[in-house]
Amino acid sequence: MSELVEGRLVRIEARAFTVEIDGREVTCSLKPKLFTDDRRAKTPVAVGDRVRIRVEGERGVVEEVLPRRNALLRPGGRGKGEVQVTA
């Protein structure tokens, strides 16, 4: 089992999440558990987030989103207290 490495999310396109680690970009998917951690959030990650990923060959899996220091939020649109982190 490979170890977790820390990086910064730099791009989100459809279901591809690009994380920069030491000047190298790794295309990642998200661990499904991330979608259930914060039920108010529409998406569990935003560009600029610090994350921990497990690299598997040329790709990776985002295993953990580290605490944010700040965020730009907007209402999630479902009217149930849901928010969307835009950056």
N, C-alpha and C. Protein backbone atom coordinates (compact mmCIF):
# COMPACT_ATOMS: atom_id res chain seq x y z
N MET A 1 0.85 -1.18 0.00
CA MET A 1 0.00 0.00 0.00
C MET A 1 0.90 1.24 0.00
N SER A 2 0.62 2.18 -0.89
CA SER A 2 1.43 3.40 -0.97
C SER A 2 1.01 4.39 0.12
N GLU A 3 1.92 5.30 0.44
CA GLU A 3 1.65 6.27 1.49
C GLU A 3 0.92 7.48 0.93
N LEU A 4 0.31 8.26 1.82
CA LEU A 4 -0.38 9.47 1.43
C LEU A 4 0.62 10.60 1.26
N VAL A 5 0.43 11.40 0.21
CA VAL A 5 1.27 12.58 -0.01
C VAL A 5 0.37 13.81 -0.08
N GLU A 6 0.90 14.94 0.37
CA GLU A 6 0.13 16.17 0.42
C GLU A 6 0.37 17.00 -0.82
N GLY A 7 -0.70 17.60 -1.33
CA GLY A 7 -0.61 18.48 -2.48
C GLY A 7 -1.72 19.51 -2.46
N ARG A 8 -1.81 20.29 -3.54
CA ARG A 8 -2.84 21.32 -3.65
C ARG A 8 -3.67 21.06 -4.90
N LEU A 9 -4.98 21.10 -4.75
CA LEU A 9 -5.90 20.91 -5.87
C LEU A 9 -5.82 22.14 -6.77
N VAL A 10 -5.46 21.95 -8.04
CA VAL A 10 -5.27 23.09 -8.94
C VAL A 10 -6.29 23.15 -10.08
N ARG A 11 -7.03 22.06 -10.32
CA ARG A 11 -7.99 22.07 -11.43
C ARG A 11 -9.05 21.01 -11.19
N ILE A 12 -10.30 21.36 -11.55
CA ILE A 12 -11.41 20.40 -11.50
C ILE A 12 -12.08 20.42 -12.86
N GLU A 13 -12.18 19.25 -13.49
CA GLU A 13 -12.85 19.11 -14.79
C GLU A 13 -13.70 17.84 -14.75
N ALA A 14 -15.00 18.00 -14.82
CA ALA A 14 -15.93 16.87 -14.76
C ALA A 14 -15.59 16.02 -13.54
N ARG A 15 -15.10 14.82 -13.73
CA ARG A 15 -14.74 13.94 -12.59
C ARG A 15 -13.24 13.76 -12.46
N ALA A 16 -12.47 14.67 -13.05
CA ALA A 16 -11.01 14.62 -12.96
C ALA A 16 -10.54 15.78 -12.07
N PHE A 17 -9.73 15.47 -11.11
CA PHE A 17 -9.24 16.45 -10.15
C PHE A 17 -7.71 16.46 -10.25
N THR A 18 -7.14 17.61 -10.60
CA THR A 18 -5.69 17.70 -10.78
C THR A 18 -5.06 18.26 -9.51
N VAL A 19 -4.11 17.51 -8.97
CA VAL A 19 -3.42 17.88 -7.74
C VAL A 19 -1.94 18.10 -8.07
N GLU A 20 -1.40 19.22 -7.59
CA GLU A 20 0.02 19.51 -7.79
C GLU A 20 0.79 19.05 -6.56
N ILE A 21 1.81 18.23 -6.83
CA ILE A 21 2.68 17.72 -5.77
C ILE A 21 4.12 17.97 -6.21
N ASP A 22 4.83 18.80 -5.48
CA ASP A 22 6.24 19.07 -5.78
C ASP A 22 6.46 19.44 -7.25
N GLY A 23 5.61 20.31 -7.80
CA GLY A 23 5.76 20.77 -9.18
C GLY A 23 5.24 19.81 -10.23
N ARG A 24 4.72 18.67 -9.84
CA ARG A 24 4.19 17.65 -10.76
C ARG A 24 2.67 17.59 -10.60
N GLU A 25 1.95 17.48 -11.71
CA GLU A 25 0.49 17.38 -11.65
C GLU A 25 0.06 15.93 -11.78
N VAL A 26 -0.85 15.52 -10.88
CA VAL A 26 -1.37 14.16 -10.87
C VAL A 26 -2.89 14.24 -11.01
N THR A 27 -3.44 13.52 -11.99
CA THR A 27 -4.89 13.47 -12.17
C THR A 27 -5.45 12.45 -11.19
N CYS A 28 -6.48 12.88 -10.45
CA CYS A 28 -7.01 12.05 -9.37
C CYS A 28 -8.52 11.87 -9.49
N SER A 29 -9.01 10.87 -8.81
CA SER A 29 -10.44 10.71 -8.56
C SER A 29 -10.63 10.97 -7.07
N LEU A 30 -11.88 11.07 -6.65
CA LEU A 30 -12.17 11.30 -5.23
C LEU A 30 -12.63 10.02 -4.58
N LYS A 31 -12.17 9.78 -3.38
CA LYS A 31 -12.64 8.66 -2.59
C LYS A 31 -14.13 8.90 -2.31
N PRO A 32 -15.01 7.94 -2.59
CA PRO A 32 -16.45 8.16 -2.41
C PRO A 32 -16.84 8.64 -1.02
N LYS A 33 -16.13 8.23 0.01
CA LYS A 33 -16.45 8.63 1.38
C LYS A 33 -16.42 10.15 1.56
N LEU A 34 -15.65 10.87 0.74
CA LEU A 34 -15.55 12.32 0.88
C LEU A 34 -16.90 13.00 0.65
N PHE A 35 -17.77 12.38 -0.13
CA PHE A 35 -19.08 12.99 -0.42
C PHE A 35 -20.03 12.90 0.77
N THR A 36 -19.75 12.04 1.75
CA THR A 36 -20.66 11.89 2.88
C THR A 36 -20.16 12.59 4.13
N ASP A 37 -18.92 13.10 4.12
CA ASP A 37 -18.36 13.73 5.31
C ASP A 37 -19.08 15.03 5.69
N ASP A 38 -19.43 15.86 4.73
CA ASP A 38 -20.12 17.12 5.01
C ASP A 38 -21.36 17.17 4.14
N ARG A 39 -22.48 16.79 4.70
CA ARG A 39 -23.72 16.68 3.92
C ARG A 39 -24.23 18.04 3.43
N ARG A 40 -23.78 19.15 4.04
CA ARG A 40 -24.21 20.47 3.59
C ARG A 40 -23.47 20.92 2.35
N ALA A 41 -22.32 20.35 2.08
CA ALA A 41 -21.50 20.79 0.94
C ALA A 41 -21.94 20.08 -0.33
N LYS A 42 -22.07 20.84 -1.40
CA LYS A 42 -22.45 20.26 -2.69
C LYS A 42 -21.30 19.43 -3.26
N THR A 43 -20.09 19.95 -3.16
CA THR A 43 -18.90 19.19 -3.56
C THR A 43 -17.92 19.22 -2.41
N PRO A 44 -17.18 18.14 -2.20
CA PRO A 44 -16.29 18.09 -1.04
C PRO A 44 -14.95 18.81 -1.23
N VAL A 45 -14.63 19.23 -2.46
CA VAL A 45 -13.34 19.88 -2.71
C VAL A 45 -13.53 21.13 -3.58
N ALA A 46 -12.55 22.01 -3.51
CA ALA A 46 -12.53 23.22 -4.34
C ALA A 46 -11.09 23.50 -4.74
N VAL A 47 -10.92 24.20 -5.84
CA VAL A 47 -9.58 24.59 -6.26
C VAL A 47 -8.92 25.37 -5.13
N GLY A 48 -7.69 25.03 -4.85
CA GLY A 48 -6.94 25.67 -3.77
C GLY A 48 -6.88 24.83 -2.51
N ASP A 49 -7.74 23.81 -2.40
CA ASP A 49 -7.72 22.96 -1.21
C ASP A 49 -6.41 22.19 -1.11
N ARG A 50 -5.94 22.05 0.12
CA ARG A 50 -4.81 21.15 0.39
C ARG A 50 -5.41 19.77 0.64
N VAL A 51 -4.86 18.78 -0.02
CA VAL A 51 -5.40 17.42 0.06
C VAL A 51 -4.28 16.42 0.28
N ARG A 52 -4.66 15.24 0.72
CA ARG A 52 -3.73 14.10 0.79
C ARG A 52 -4.23 13.07 -0.20
N ILE A 53 -3.30 12.61 -1.05
CA ILE A 53 -3.68 11.63 -2.07
C ILE A 53 -2.79 10.39 -1.97
N ARG A 54 -3.33 9.31 -2.51
CA ARG A 54 -2.59 8.06 -2.65
C ARG A 54 -2.32 7.91 -4.14
N VAL A 55 -1.05 7.93 -4.53
CA VAL A 55 -0.67 7.81 -5.93
C VAL A 55 -0.64 6.34 -6.31
N GLU A 56 -1.33 6.02 -7.41
CA GLU A 56 -1.41 4.65 -7.92
C GLU A 56 -1.00 4.68 -9.38
N GLY A 57 0.29 4.48 -9.64
CA GLY A 57 0.81 4.57 -11.01
C GLY A 57 0.85 6.02 -11.44
N GLU A 58 0.20 6.32 -12.57
CA GLU A 58 0.17 7.69 -13.10
C GLU A 58 -0.98 8.51 -12.53
N ARG A 59 -1.90 7.87 -11.82
CA ARG A 59 -3.08 8.55 -11.29
C ARG A 59 -3.07 8.51 -9.77
N GLY A 60 -4.03 9.19 -9.17
CA GLY A 60 -4.12 9.19 -7.72
C GLY A 60 -5.56 9.20 -7.26
N VAL A 61 -5.73 9.04 -5.96
CA VAL A 61 -7.05 9.09 -5.33
C VAL A 61 -6.96 10.07 -4.17
N VAL A 62 -7.85 11.08 -4.17
CA VAL A 62 -7.90 12.02 -3.06
C VAL A 62 -8.54 11.30 -1.89
N GLU A 63 -7.76 11.11 -0.83
CA GLU A 63 -8.21 10.37 0.34
C GLU A 63 -8.72 11.30 1.45
N GLU A 64 -8.18 12.53 1.49
CA GLU A 64 -8.50 13.43 2.60
C GLU A 64 -8.38 14.88 2.15
N VAL A 65 -9.31 15.71 2.59
CA VAL A 65 -9.24 17.16 2.37
C VAL A 65 -8.82 17.78 3.69
N LEU A 66 -7.72 18.51 3.68
CA LEU A 66 -7.22 19.13 4.90
C LEU A 66 -8.07 20.36 5.24
N PRO A 67 -8.09 20.77 6.50
CA PRO A 67 -8.92 21.92 6.90
C PRO A 67 -8.57 23.17 6.10
N ARG A 68 -9.63 23.89 5.71
CA ARG A 68 -9.44 25.14 4.96
C ARG A 68 -9.15 26.28 5.92
N ARG A 69 -8.31 27.20 5.48
CA ARG A 69 -8.04 28.41 6.26
C ARG A 69 -9.06 29.49 5.94
N ASN A 70 -9.58 29.48 4.71
CA ASN A 70 -10.61 30.42 4.28
C ASN A 70 -11.32 29.82 3.08
N ALA A 71 -12.45 30.39 2.71
CA ALA A 71 -13.22 29.85 1.59
C ALA A 71 -14.17 30.91 1.05
N LEU A 72 -14.47 30.81 -0.22
CA LEU A 72 -15.48 31.63 -0.86
C LEU A 72 -16.69 30.73 -1.04
N LEU A 73 -17.80 31.06 -0.39
CA LEU A 73 -18.99 30.20 -0.37
C LEU A 73 -20.15 30.87 -1.09
N ARG A 74 -21.06 30.03 -1.57
CA ARG A 74 -22.34 30.51 -2.10
C ARG A 74 -23.40 29.49 -1.75
N PRO A 75 -24.68 29.89 -1.75
CA PRO A 75 -25.74 28.94 -1.44
C PRO A 75 -25.72 27.78 -2.43
N GLY A 76 -26.04 26.60 -1.95
CA GLY A 76 -26.01 25.39 -2.78
C GLY A 76 -27.17 25.25 -3.73
N GLY A 77 -28.25 25.98 -3.53
CA GLY A 77 -29.36 25.97 -4.48
C GLY A 77 -30.51 25.06 -4.13
N ARG A 78 -30.38 24.23 -3.13
CA ARG A 78 -31.49 23.34 -2.77
C ARG A 78 -32.30 23.88 -1.60
N GLY A 79 -31.86 25.00 -1.05
CA GLY A 79 -32.63 25.65 0.01
C GLY A 79 -32.65 24.91 1.33
N LYS A 80 -31.72 24.00 1.57
CA LYS A 80 -31.72 23.22 2.81
C LYS A 80 -30.46 23.50 3.62
N GLY A 81 -29.94 24.71 3.51
CA GLY A 81 -28.73 25.05 4.25
C GLY A 81 -27.47 24.55 3.56
N GLU A 82 -27.62 24.03 2.34
CA GLU A 82 -26.47 23.51 1.60
C GLU A 82 -25.64 24.66 1.07
N VAL A 83 -24.32 24.51 1.10
CA VAL A 83 -23.42 25.53 0.57
C VAL A 83 -22.49 24.90 -0.46
N GLN A 84 -21.98 25.75 -1.34
CA GLN A 84 -21.00 25.31 -2.33
C GLN A 84 -19.75 26.15 -2.13
N VAL A 85 -18.62 25.48 -1.96
CA VAL A 85 -17.34 26.17 -1.87
C VAL A 85 -16.86 26.39 -3.29
N THR A 86 -16.67 27.65 -3.67
CA THR A 86 -16.23 27.94 -5.04
C THR A 86 -14.73 28.11 -5.15
N ALA A 87 -14.09 28.47 -4.07
CA ALA A 87 -12.62 28.58 -4.05
C ALA A 87 -12.14 28.64 -2.61
